[in-house]
Amino acid sequence: MKEPKNPWRKNEIWDEAIEKLRAIVLKTELVEAQKWGGEVYTLNNKNVIGIGGFKNYFALWFFNGVFLKDEAKVLVNANEGVTKSLRQWRFSDVAELDEKLILRYINEAIANEKAGLSVKPEKKEAMKCDFFQAALDNNKVLKTALEQLTPFKQKEYWEYMVTAKQEKTKVSRLEKITPMILEGKGFNDKYRK
């Protein structure tokens, strides 16, 4: 049986370089794992680093790289404005692999993980729909049924109601979802397998 293609290796030109990088990483206490189809290295089941090859470079990325000192100025934010904590160290040639420097960065990342440094996801403000809230307050059975659903399914219903602008739309939507909620169904369950 053929081994599945690693999505983090866009082509085979970096295979040798990635294996050398992997050998450096394996000199640390990190544990190799397969996540999202690629190599991720963890400490106590927490993602610390990953490696992969792309079209024009291969990279070592630090899941909480924002906390690294980066004295050698080698780290980049791969998606400025979107990525909060992940940082990449990109290489375009196997000769760029400085084992001592790479190990220094990895060991700092391990120390940061042990210290519990991480960027917490921003909590989104809860959606408010006075019409839906009033309907729930007036129908305890409906409210209880909604509360029995998973938070994800509850959110689907809130989003559906929040996006209704006109009163008649709110009324028709409430009529549509009430039996679904009472049956314990999620709003989009019919599309899930």
N, C-alpha and C. Protein backbone atom coordinates (compact mmCIF):
# COMPACT_ATOMS: atom_id res chain seq x y z
N MET A 1 0.84 -1.19 0.00
CA MET A 1 0.00 0.00 0.00
C MET A 1 0.88 1.24 0.00
N LYS A 2 0.56 2.20 -0.84
CA LYS A 2 1.33 3.42 -0.96
C LYS A 2 1.06 4.34 0.22
N GLU A 3 2.14 4.94 0.76
CA GLU A 3 2.01 5.86 1.89
C GLU A 3 1.31 7.15 1.43
N PRO A 4 0.36 7.66 2.22
CA PRO A 4 -0.34 8.89 1.79
C PRO A 4 0.62 10.07 1.71
N LYS A 5 0.35 10.95 0.77
CA LYS A 5 1.19 12.13 0.56
C LYS A 5 1.03 13.11 1.70
N ASN A 6 2.14 13.61 2.19
CA ASN A 6 2.15 14.60 3.26
C ASN A 6 1.81 15.96 2.65
N PRO A 7 0.71 16.60 3.10
CA PRO A 7 0.33 17.89 2.51
C PRO A 7 1.33 19.01 2.80
N TRP A 8 2.22 18.78 3.77
CA TRP A 8 3.22 19.80 4.09
C TRP A 8 4.48 19.61 3.26
N ARG A 9 4.48 18.66 2.37
CA ARG A 9 5.60 18.46 1.45
C ARG A 9 5.03 18.62 0.05
N LYS A 10 5.07 19.84 -0.43
CA LYS A 10 4.44 20.16 -1.71
C LYS A 10 5.14 19.51 -2.89
N ASN A 11 6.40 19.19 -2.73
CA ASN A 11 7.12 18.45 -3.76
C ASN A 11 8.29 17.73 -3.11
N GLU A 12 8.93 16.87 -3.86
CA GLU A 12 9.99 16.02 -3.28
C GLU A 12 11.36 16.69 -3.24
N ILE A 13 11.50 17.91 -3.74
CA ILE A 13 12.83 18.51 -3.80
C ILE A 13 13.43 18.75 -2.42
N TRP A 14 12.59 18.78 -1.39
CA TRP A 14 13.09 19.06 -0.04
C TRP A 14 13.22 17.82 0.83
N ASP A 15 12.98 16.64 0.30
CA ASP A 15 12.99 15.43 1.13
C ASP A 15 14.28 15.26 1.92
N GLU A 16 15.43 15.41 1.28
CA GLU A 16 16.72 15.26 1.97
C GLU A 16 16.88 16.32 3.05
N ALA A 17 16.55 17.55 2.74
CA ALA A 17 16.68 18.66 3.69
C ALA A 17 15.76 18.45 4.89
N ILE A 18 14.53 18.01 4.62
CA ILE A 18 13.58 17.79 5.71
C ILE A 18 14.04 16.65 6.60
N GLU A 19 14.61 15.62 6.03
CA GLU A 19 15.11 14.51 6.84
C GLU A 19 16.26 14.97 7.74
N LYS A 20 17.11 15.86 7.24
CA LYS A 20 18.19 16.40 8.09
C LYS A 20 17.62 17.27 9.20
N LEU A 21 16.63 18.07 8.88
CA LEU A 21 15.97 18.90 9.88
C LEU A 21 15.29 18.02 10.92
N ARG A 22 14.63 16.98 10.46
CA ARG A 22 13.97 16.02 11.36
C ARG A 22 14.98 15.37 12.30
N ALA A 23 16.15 15.01 11.80
CA ALA A 23 17.18 14.39 12.63
C ALA A 23 17.64 15.35 13.73
N ILE A 24 17.69 16.63 13.43
CA ILE A 24 18.05 17.63 14.45
C ILE A 24 16.96 17.70 15.50
N VAL A 25 15.71 17.77 15.07
CA VAL A 25 14.58 17.87 16.00
C VAL A 25 14.55 16.66 16.93
N LEU A 26 14.82 15.48 16.39
CA LEU A 26 14.74 14.25 17.19
C LEU A 26 15.84 14.15 18.24
N LYS A 27 16.79 15.09 18.26
CA LYS A 27 17.81 15.12 19.31
C LYS A 27 17.26 15.78 20.58
N THR A 28 16.05 16.29 20.51
CA THR A 28 15.43 16.95 21.66
C THR A 28 14.44 15.99 22.32
N GLU A 29 13.80 16.46 23.36
CA GLU A 29 12.81 15.64 24.07
C GLU A 29 11.43 15.64 23.42
N LEU A 30 11.30 16.34 22.31
CA LEU A 30 10.00 16.41 21.65
C LEU A 30 9.60 15.05 21.07
N VAL A 31 8.31 14.81 21.02
CA VAL A 31 7.76 13.55 20.51
C VAL A 31 7.17 13.81 19.13
N GLU A 32 7.54 12.98 18.19
CA GLU A 32 7.04 13.12 16.83
C GLU A 32 5.62 12.58 16.73
N ALA A 33 4.76 13.33 16.06
CA ALA A 33 3.38 12.93 15.86
C ALA A 33 2.95 13.31 14.46
N GLN A 34 1.94 12.64 13.96
CA GLN A 34 1.35 12.98 12.66
C GLN A 34 0.04 13.71 12.94
N LYS A 35 -0.03 14.96 12.54
CA LYS A 35 -1.24 15.75 12.70
C LYS A 35 -1.47 16.50 11.40
N TRP A 36 -2.72 16.54 10.98
CA TRP A 36 -3.08 17.24 9.74
C TRP A 36 -2.28 16.71 8.56
N GLY A 37 -1.82 15.46 8.66
CA GLY A 37 -1.09 14.85 7.57
C GLY A 37 0.38 15.20 7.52
N GLY A 38 0.91 15.88 8.53
CA GLY A 38 2.32 16.26 8.53
C GLY A 38 3.00 16.00 9.85
N GLU A 39 4.30 16.27 9.88
CA GLU A 39 5.07 16.04 11.10
C GLU A 39 4.93 17.21 12.06
N VAL A 40 4.49 16.89 13.27
CA VAL A 40 4.39 17.86 14.35
C VAL A 40 5.14 17.25 15.53
N TYR A 41 5.82 18.09 16.28
CA TYR A 41 6.59 17.62 17.43
C TYR A 41 6.00 18.25 18.68
N THR A 42 5.70 17.39 19.65
CA THR A 42 4.93 17.81 20.81
C THR A 42 5.69 17.60 22.12
N LEU A 43 5.21 18.28 23.14
CA LEU A 43 5.68 18.11 24.50
C LEU A 43 4.42 18.02 25.36
N ASN A 44 4.24 16.90 26.04
CA ASN A 44 3.02 16.67 26.83
C ASN A 44 1.76 16.90 26.00
N ASN A 45 1.79 16.38 24.76
CA ASN A 45 0.67 16.48 23.81
C ASN A 45 0.35 17.90 23.37
N LYS A 46 1.24 18.84 23.60
CA LYS A 46 1.06 20.22 23.14
C LYS A 46 1.97 20.43 21.94
N ASN A 47 1.44 21.01 20.87
CA ASN A 47 2.22 21.25 19.66
C ASN A 47 3.30 22.29 19.94
N VAL A 48 4.54 21.95 19.60
CA VAL A 48 5.65 22.88 19.79
C VAL A 48 6.20 23.33 18.44
N ILE A 49 6.52 22.37 17.57
CA ILE A 49 7.05 22.72 16.25
C ILE A 49 6.50 21.79 15.18
N GLY A 50 6.66 22.19 13.94
CA GLY A 50 6.32 21.36 12.79
C GLY A 50 7.33 21.62 11.70
N ILE A 51 7.43 20.69 10.75
CA ILE A 51 8.33 20.88 9.62
C ILE A 51 7.60 20.51 8.33
N GLY A 52 8.01 21.13 7.24
CA GLY A 52 7.40 20.82 5.95
C GLY A 52 8.11 21.51 4.81
N GLY A 53 7.84 21.06 3.60
CA GLY A 53 8.44 21.63 2.41
C GLY A 53 7.39 22.27 1.53
N PHE A 54 7.72 23.40 0.97
CA PHE A 54 6.80 24.13 0.12
C PHE A 54 7.44 24.35 -1.24
N LYS A 55 6.85 25.16 -2.07
CA LYS A 55 7.33 25.32 -3.44
C LYS A 55 8.75 25.89 -3.47
N ASN A 56 8.99 26.98 -2.73
CA ASN A 56 10.27 27.68 -2.82
C ASN A 56 11.13 27.56 -1.57
N TYR A 57 10.66 26.85 -0.56
CA TYR A 57 11.43 26.73 0.67
C TYR A 57 10.92 25.55 1.49
N PHE A 58 11.73 25.13 2.47
CA PHE A 58 11.25 24.21 3.49
C PHE A 58 11.33 24.97 4.80
N ALA A 59 10.55 24.54 5.77
CA ALA A 59 10.42 25.38 6.97
C ALA A 59 10.31 24.56 8.25
N LEU A 60 10.74 25.21 9.29
CA LEU A 60 10.54 24.76 10.67
C LEU A 60 9.64 25.82 11.27
N TRP A 61 8.48 25.43 11.81
CA TRP A 61 7.64 26.45 12.41
C TRP A 61 7.41 26.17 13.87
N PHE A 62 7.27 27.23 14.59
CA PHE A 62 7.09 27.21 16.04
C PHE A 62 5.66 27.67 16.32
N PHE A 63 4.89 26.79 16.94
CA PHE A 63 3.48 27.10 17.18
C PHE A 63 3.32 28.32 18.09
N ASN A 64 4.24 28.51 19.03
CA ASN A 64 4.22 29.70 19.88
C ASN A 64 5.50 30.50 19.68
N GLY A 65 5.88 30.65 18.41
CA GLY A 65 7.11 31.34 18.05
C GLY A 65 7.14 32.81 18.40
N VAL A 66 5.99 33.41 18.63
CA VAL A 66 5.93 34.82 19.00
C VAL A 66 6.70 35.08 20.30
N PHE A 67 6.87 34.06 21.13
CA PHE A 67 7.57 34.21 22.41
C PHE A 67 9.07 33.98 22.31
N LEU A 68 9.57 33.57 21.16
CA LEU A 68 11.00 33.34 20.99
C LEU A 68 11.74 34.67 20.87
N LYS A 69 12.94 34.74 21.41
CA LYS A 69 13.72 35.98 21.36
C LYS A 69 14.13 36.33 19.93
N ASP A 70 14.38 35.34 19.11
CA ASP A 70 14.76 35.50 17.70
C ASP A 70 15.96 36.43 17.54
N GLU A 71 17.01 36.14 18.30
CA GLU A 71 18.23 36.96 18.24
C GLU A 71 18.89 36.91 16.87
N ALA A 72 18.72 35.80 16.14
CA ALA A 72 19.33 35.69 14.81
C ALA A 72 18.43 36.30 13.72
N LYS A 73 17.25 36.78 14.10
CA LYS A 73 16.30 37.42 13.17
C LYS A 73 15.99 36.52 11.97
N VAL A 74 15.60 35.28 12.27
CA VAL A 74 15.31 34.31 11.21
C VAL A 74 13.82 33.99 11.09
N LEU A 75 13.02 34.40 12.04
CA LEU A 75 11.60 34.03 12.05
C LEU A 75 10.73 35.02 11.30
N VAL A 76 9.71 34.48 10.62
CA VAL A 76 8.74 35.32 9.92
C VAL A 76 7.33 34.90 10.32
N ASN A 77 6.43 35.86 10.25
CA ASN A 77 5.02 35.58 10.42
C ASN A 77 4.49 35.27 9.03
N ALA A 78 4.08 34.04 8.80
CA ALA A 78 3.69 33.60 7.46
C ALA A 78 2.40 34.23 6.97
N ASN A 79 1.59 34.74 7.88
CA ASN A 79 0.31 35.31 7.48
C ASN A 79 0.03 36.53 8.36
N GLU A 80 0.73 37.59 8.11
CA GLU A 80 0.66 38.82 8.91
C GLU A 80 -0.78 39.28 9.09
N GLY A 81 -1.12 39.63 10.31
CA GLY A 81 -2.46 40.11 10.62
C GLY A 81 -3.45 39.00 10.93
N VAL A 82 -3.12 37.77 10.57
CA VAL A 82 -4.00 36.64 10.84
C VAL A 82 -3.38 35.73 11.89
N THR A 83 -2.13 35.34 11.65
CA THR A 83 -1.44 34.44 12.56
C THR A 83 -0.95 35.22 13.77
N LYS A 84 -1.38 34.80 14.93
CA LYS A 84 -1.02 35.50 16.17
C LYS A 84 0.29 34.99 16.75
N SER A 85 0.46 33.68 16.84
CA SER A 85 1.62 33.16 17.57
C SER A 85 2.59 32.34 16.73
N LEU A 86 2.15 31.75 15.63
CA LEU A 86 3.01 30.88 14.84
C LEU A 86 4.06 31.69 14.09
N ARG A 87 5.29 31.18 14.11
CA ARG A 87 6.38 31.80 13.36
C ARG A 87 7.12 30.72 12.59
N GLN A 88 7.58 31.06 11.38
CA GLN A 88 8.32 30.13 10.52
C GLN A 88 9.78 30.53 10.42
N TRP A 89 10.61 29.52 10.28
CA TRP A 89 12.01 29.70 9.94
C TRP A 89 12.16 29.02 8.59
N ARG A 90 12.35 29.79 7.56
CA ARG A 90 12.40 29.27 6.20
C ARG A 90 13.84 29.05 5.75
N PHE A 91 14.01 27.96 4.99
CA PHE A 91 15.32 27.61 4.43
C PHE A 91 15.14 27.35 2.94
N SER A 92 16.15 27.73 2.16
CA SER A 92 16.08 27.45 0.73
C SER A 92 17.18 26.50 0.28
N ASP A 93 18.02 26.07 1.23
CA ASP A 93 19.10 25.15 0.90
C ASP A 93 19.49 24.37 2.15
N VAL A 94 19.81 23.11 1.99
CA VAL A 94 20.19 22.27 3.13
C VAL A 94 21.44 22.83 3.83
N ALA A 95 22.27 23.56 3.09
CA ALA A 95 23.48 24.13 3.67
C ALA A 95 23.18 25.20 4.71
N GLU A 96 21.96 25.72 4.72
CA GLU A 96 21.57 26.75 5.70
C GLU A 96 21.26 26.17 7.08
N LEU A 97 21.21 24.85 7.20
CA LEU A 97 20.87 24.23 8.47
C LEU A 97 22.04 24.32 9.45
N ASP A 98 21.94 25.23 10.40
CA ASP A 98 22.93 25.41 11.45
C ASP A 98 22.39 24.69 12.69
N GLU A 99 22.87 23.46 12.90
CA GLU A 99 22.32 22.61 13.96
C GLU A 99 22.33 23.26 15.33
N LYS A 100 23.43 23.90 15.69
CA LYS A 100 23.52 24.52 17.03
C LYS A 100 22.47 25.63 17.19
N LEU A 101 22.32 26.46 16.17
CA LEU A 101 21.35 27.55 16.24
C LEU A 101 19.91 27.01 16.25
N ILE A 102 19.65 26.03 15.42
CA ILE A 102 18.32 25.42 15.37
C ILE A 102 17.97 24.81 16.73
N LEU A 103 18.92 24.08 17.31
CA LEU A 103 18.67 23.48 18.63
C LEU A 103 18.45 24.54 19.70
N ARG A 104 19.14 25.66 19.59
CA ARG A 104 18.93 26.74 20.56
C ARG A 104 17.49 27.27 20.48
N TYR A 105 17.00 27.47 19.27
CA TYR A 105 15.62 27.93 19.09
C TYR A 105 14.62 26.88 19.59
N ILE A 106 14.86 25.61 19.23
CA ILE A 106 13.94 24.55 19.65
C ILE A 106 13.92 24.43 21.17
N ASN A 107 15.10 24.47 21.80
CA ASN A 107 15.15 24.35 23.26
C ASN A 107 14.47 25.54 23.94
N GLU A 108 14.58 26.72 23.35
CA GLU A 108 13.87 27.87 23.90
C GLU A 108 12.35 27.66 23.76
N ALA A 109 11.92 27.10 22.63
CA ALA A 109 10.50 26.81 22.43
C ALA A 109 10.00 25.78 23.44
N ILE A 110 10.82 24.79 23.73
CA ILE A 110 10.47 23.78 24.74
C ILE A 110 10.35 24.44 26.11
N ALA A 111 11.30 25.30 26.46
CA ALA A 111 11.25 26.00 27.75
C ALA A 111 10.00 26.88 27.84
N ASN A 112 9.65 27.54 26.75
CA ASN A 112 8.44 28.37 26.73
C ASN A 112 7.19 27.52 26.93
N GLU A 113 7.18 26.34 26.31
CA GLU A 113 6.02 25.44 26.47
C GLU A 113 5.92 24.97 27.92
N LYS A 114 7.06 24.64 28.51
CA LYS A 114 7.05 24.21 29.92
C LYS A 114 6.59 25.34 30.83
N ALA A 115 6.87 26.58 30.44
CA ALA A 115 6.47 27.74 31.24
C ALA A 115 5.00 28.10 30.98
N GLY A 116 4.37 27.43 30.03
CA GLY A 116 2.96 27.67 29.75
C GLY A 116 2.68 28.88 28.90
N LEU A 117 3.68 29.38 28.18
CA LEU A 117 3.46 30.56 27.33
C LEU A 117 2.66 30.17 26.09
N SER A 118 1.57 30.84 25.87
CA SER A 118 0.77 30.63 24.67
C SER A 118 -0.18 31.80 24.49
N VAL A 119 -0.58 31.99 23.25
CA VAL A 119 -1.55 33.03 22.93
C VAL A 119 -2.93 32.40 23.02
N LYS A 120 -3.76 32.94 23.84
CA LYS A 120 -5.11 32.42 24.01
C LYS A 120 -6.00 33.00 22.91
N PRO A 121 -6.86 32.17 22.30
CA PRO A 121 -7.76 32.69 21.28
C PRO A 121 -8.69 33.75 21.86
N GLU A 122 -8.98 34.75 21.04
CA GLU A 122 -9.87 35.80 21.50
C GLU A 122 -11.29 35.26 21.55
N LYS A 123 -11.97 35.58 22.63
CA LYS A 123 -13.37 35.15 22.75
C LYS A 123 -14.23 36.13 21.98
N LYS A 124 -15.10 35.57 21.18
CA LYS A 124 -16.02 36.42 20.42
C LYS A 124 -17.20 36.77 21.31
N GLU A 125 -17.68 37.96 21.12
CA GLU A 125 -18.82 38.41 21.89
C GLU A 125 -20.04 37.57 21.53
N ALA A 126 -20.81 37.20 22.54
CA ALA A 126 -22.00 36.39 22.31
C ALA A 126 -22.99 37.14 21.43
N MET A 127 -23.64 36.39 20.54
CA MET A 127 -24.63 36.99 19.66
C MET A 127 -25.91 37.28 20.44
N LYS A 128 -26.53 38.38 20.12
CA LYS A 128 -27.76 38.76 20.81
C LYS A 128 -28.88 38.96 19.81
N CYS A 129 -30.00 38.36 20.14
CA CYS A 129 -31.21 38.53 19.36
C CYS A 129 -32.34 38.63 20.38
N ASP A 130 -32.78 39.84 20.62
CA ASP A 130 -33.82 40.05 21.64
C ASP A 130 -35.08 39.26 21.33
N PHE A 131 -35.43 39.14 20.06
CA PHE A 131 -36.62 38.40 19.66
C PHE A 131 -36.50 36.93 20.07
N PHE A 132 -35.35 36.31 19.74
CA PHE A 132 -35.14 34.90 20.06
C PHE A 132 -35.07 34.71 21.58
N GLN A 133 -34.38 35.63 22.26
CA GLN A 133 -34.29 35.54 23.71
C GLN A 133 -35.67 35.62 24.36
N ALA A 134 -36.51 36.52 23.87
CA ALA A 134 -37.87 36.66 24.40
C ALA A 134 -38.67 35.38 24.16
N ALA A 135 -38.50 34.79 22.98
CA ALA A 135 -39.21 33.53 22.68
C ALA A 135 -38.77 32.42 23.63
N LEU A 136 -37.46 32.37 23.91
CA LEU A 136 -36.95 31.36 24.85
C LEU A 136 -37.45 31.61 26.26
N ASP A 137 -37.48 32.88 26.66
CA ASP A 137 -37.95 33.23 28.01
C ASP A 137 -39.43 32.88 28.18
N ASN A 138 -40.21 32.95 27.10
CA ASN A 138 -41.65 32.67 27.15
C ASN A 138 -41.98 31.19 26.96
N ASN A 139 -40.99 30.40 26.56
CA ASN A 139 -41.23 28.98 26.31
C ASN A 139 -40.10 28.18 26.97
N LYS A 140 -40.32 27.79 28.23
CA LYS A 140 -39.29 27.11 29.02
C LYS A 140 -38.89 25.76 28.40
N VAL A 141 -39.84 25.08 27.77
CA VAL A 141 -39.53 23.80 27.13
C VAL A 141 -38.54 24.00 25.98
N LEU A 142 -38.79 25.04 25.18
CA LEU A 142 -37.90 25.36 24.07
C LEU A 142 -36.52 25.76 24.59
N LYS A 143 -36.52 26.58 25.64
CA LYS A 143 -35.25 27.04 26.21
C LYS A 143 -34.44 25.85 26.74
N THR A 144 -35.10 24.96 27.45
CA THR A 144 -34.42 23.77 27.99
C THR A 144 -33.90 22.89 26.86
N ALA A 145 -34.71 22.71 25.82
CA ALA A 145 -34.29 21.89 24.67
C ALA A 145 -33.06 22.49 23.99
N LEU A 146 -33.04 23.81 23.85
CA LEU A 146 -31.88 24.47 23.24
C LEU A 146 -30.63 24.29 24.11
N GLU A 147 -30.80 24.42 25.41
CA GLU A 147 -29.68 24.27 26.34
C GLU A 147 -29.12 22.85 26.36
N GLN A 148 -29.93 21.88 25.96
CA GLN A 148 -29.48 20.48 25.92
C GLN A 148 -28.58 20.21 24.71
N LEU A 149 -28.65 21.08 23.71
CA LEU A 149 -27.82 20.92 22.52
C LEU A 149 -26.37 21.30 22.83
N THR A 150 -25.47 20.84 21.98
CA THR A 150 -24.06 21.21 22.14
C THR A 150 -23.91 22.72 21.92
N PRO A 151 -22.88 23.33 22.50
CA PRO A 151 -22.66 24.76 22.27
C PRO A 151 -22.58 25.12 20.78
N PHE A 152 -21.99 24.25 19.99
CA PHE A 152 -21.88 24.50 18.55
C PHE A 152 -23.26 24.58 17.90
N LYS A 153 -24.13 23.64 18.25
CA LYS A 153 -25.48 23.63 17.67
C LYS A 153 -26.30 24.82 18.17
N GLN A 154 -26.11 25.18 19.43
CA GLN A 154 -26.79 26.37 19.95
C GLN A 154 -26.38 27.61 19.14
N LYS A 155 -25.08 27.69 18.87
CA LYS A 155 -24.54 28.84 18.14
C LYS A 155 -25.15 28.92 16.73
N GLU A 156 -25.34 27.76 16.10
CA GLU A 156 -25.95 27.76 14.76
C GLU A 156 -27.33 28.40 14.80
N TYR A 157 -28.12 28.05 15.80
CA TYR A 157 -29.46 28.62 15.90
C TYR A 157 -29.41 30.12 16.20
N TRP A 158 -28.53 30.52 17.09
CA TRP A 158 -28.40 31.95 17.41
C TRP A 158 -28.00 32.74 16.16
N GLU A 159 -27.02 32.22 15.40
CA GLU A 159 -26.59 32.91 14.17
C GLU A 159 -27.75 33.04 13.19
N TYR A 160 -28.53 31.98 13.07
CA TYR A 160 -29.66 32.00 12.15
C TYR A 160 -30.66 33.09 12.54
N MET A 161 -30.92 33.20 13.83
CA MET A 161 -31.89 34.19 14.30
C MET A 161 -31.32 35.61 14.26
N VAL A 162 -30.06 35.78 14.58
CA VAL A 162 -29.43 37.10 14.60
C VAL A 162 -29.42 37.74 13.22
N THR A 163 -29.29 36.92 12.19
CA THR A 163 -29.18 37.48 10.84
C THR A 163 -30.52 37.90 10.25
N ALA A 164 -31.62 37.56 10.91
CA ALA A 164 -32.95 38.00 10.43
C ALA A 164 -33.14 39.47 10.81
N LYS A 165 -33.49 40.30 9.83
CA LYS A 165 -33.63 41.74 10.08
C LYS A 165 -35.09 42.15 10.30
N GLN A 166 -35.97 41.63 9.47
CA GLN A 166 -37.37 42.02 9.55
C GLN A 166 -38.13 41.14 10.55
N GLU A 167 -39.13 41.72 11.14
CA GLU A 167 -39.95 41.01 12.13
C GLU A 167 -40.58 39.75 11.54
N LYS A 168 -41.11 39.86 10.32
CA LYS A 168 -41.77 38.70 9.71
C LYS A 168 -40.76 37.57 9.45
N THR A 169 -39.52 37.93 9.13
CA THR A 169 -38.47 36.93 8.91
C THR A 169 -38.14 36.24 10.23
N LYS A 170 -38.06 37.02 11.29
CA LYS A 170 -37.78 36.45 12.63
C LYS A 170 -38.88 35.47 13.02
N VAL A 171 -40.11 35.85 12.78
CA VAL A 171 -41.25 34.98 13.12
C VAL A 171 -41.19 33.68 12.33
N SER A 172 -40.98 33.79 11.01
CA SER A 172 -40.96 32.57 10.19
C SER A 172 -39.77 31.69 10.54
N ARG A 173 -38.64 32.29 10.86
CA ARG A 173 -37.48 31.49 11.25
C ARG A 173 -37.72 30.78 12.58
N LEU A 174 -38.32 31.48 13.53
CA LEU A 174 -38.62 30.84 14.81
C LEU A 174 -39.58 29.67 14.62
N GLU A 175 -40.57 29.83 13.76
CA GLU A 175 -41.51 28.74 13.47
C GLU A 175 -40.79 27.55 12.84
N LYS A 176 -39.81 27.83 12.00
CA LYS A 176 -39.06 26.76 11.33
C LYS A 176 -38.17 26.00 12.31
N ILE A 177 -37.48 26.70 13.20
CA ILE A 177 -36.49 26.03 14.05
C ILE A 177 -37.07 25.45 15.33
N THR A 178 -38.22 25.90 15.77
CA THR A 178 -38.78 25.40 17.04
C THR A 178 -38.91 23.87 17.04
N PRO A 179 -39.52 23.25 16.02
CA PRO A 179 -39.62 21.79 16.06
C PRO A 179 -38.25 21.10 16.00
N MET A 180 -37.32 21.70 15.28
CA MET A 180 -35.98 21.12 15.18
C MET A 180 -35.30 21.10 16.55
N ILE A 181 -35.39 22.22 17.26
CA ILE A 181 -34.79 22.31 18.59
C ILE A 181 -35.45 21.32 19.53
N LEU A 182 -36.78 21.25 19.49
CA LEU A 182 -37.51 20.34 20.38
C LEU A 182 -37.18 18.87 20.11
N GLU A 183 -36.80 18.56 18.86
CA GLU A 183 -36.40 17.20 18.50
C GLU A 183 -34.92 16.94 18.82
N GLY A 184 -34.21 17.97 19.28
CA GLY A 184 -32.80 17.80 19.61
C GLY A 184 -31.88 17.81 18.41
N LYS A 185 -32.35 18.36 17.31
CA LYS A 185 -31.55 18.40 16.09
C LYS A 185 -30.77 19.71 16.00
N GLY A 186 -29.61 19.64 15.38
CA GLY A 186 -28.84 20.83 15.07
C GLY A 186 -29.37 21.46 13.80
N PHE A 187 -29.16 22.73 13.62
CA PHE A 187 -29.70 23.46 12.47
C PHE A 187 -29.22 22.86 11.15
N ASN A 188 -27.96 22.46 11.09
CA ASN A 188 -27.39 21.93 9.84
C ASN A 188 -27.16 20.43 9.87
N ASP A 189 -27.83 19.72 10.77
CA ASP A 189 -27.63 18.27 10.88
C ASP A 189 -27.91 17.54 9.58
N LYS A 190 -28.88 17.98 8.81
CA LYS A 190 -29.23 17.26 7.57
C LYS A 190 -28.08 17.28 6.56
N TYR A 191 -27.14 18.21 6.73
CA TYR A 191 -26.00 18.29 5.80
C TYR A 191 -24.78 17.51 6.30
N ARG A 192 -24.85 17.06 7.53
CA ARG A 192 -23.72 16.32 8.11
C ARG A 192 -23.92 14.83 7.90
N LYS A 193 -22.80 14.14 7.75
CA LYS A 193 -22.87 12.68 7.59
C LYS A 193 -22.48 12.00 8.87
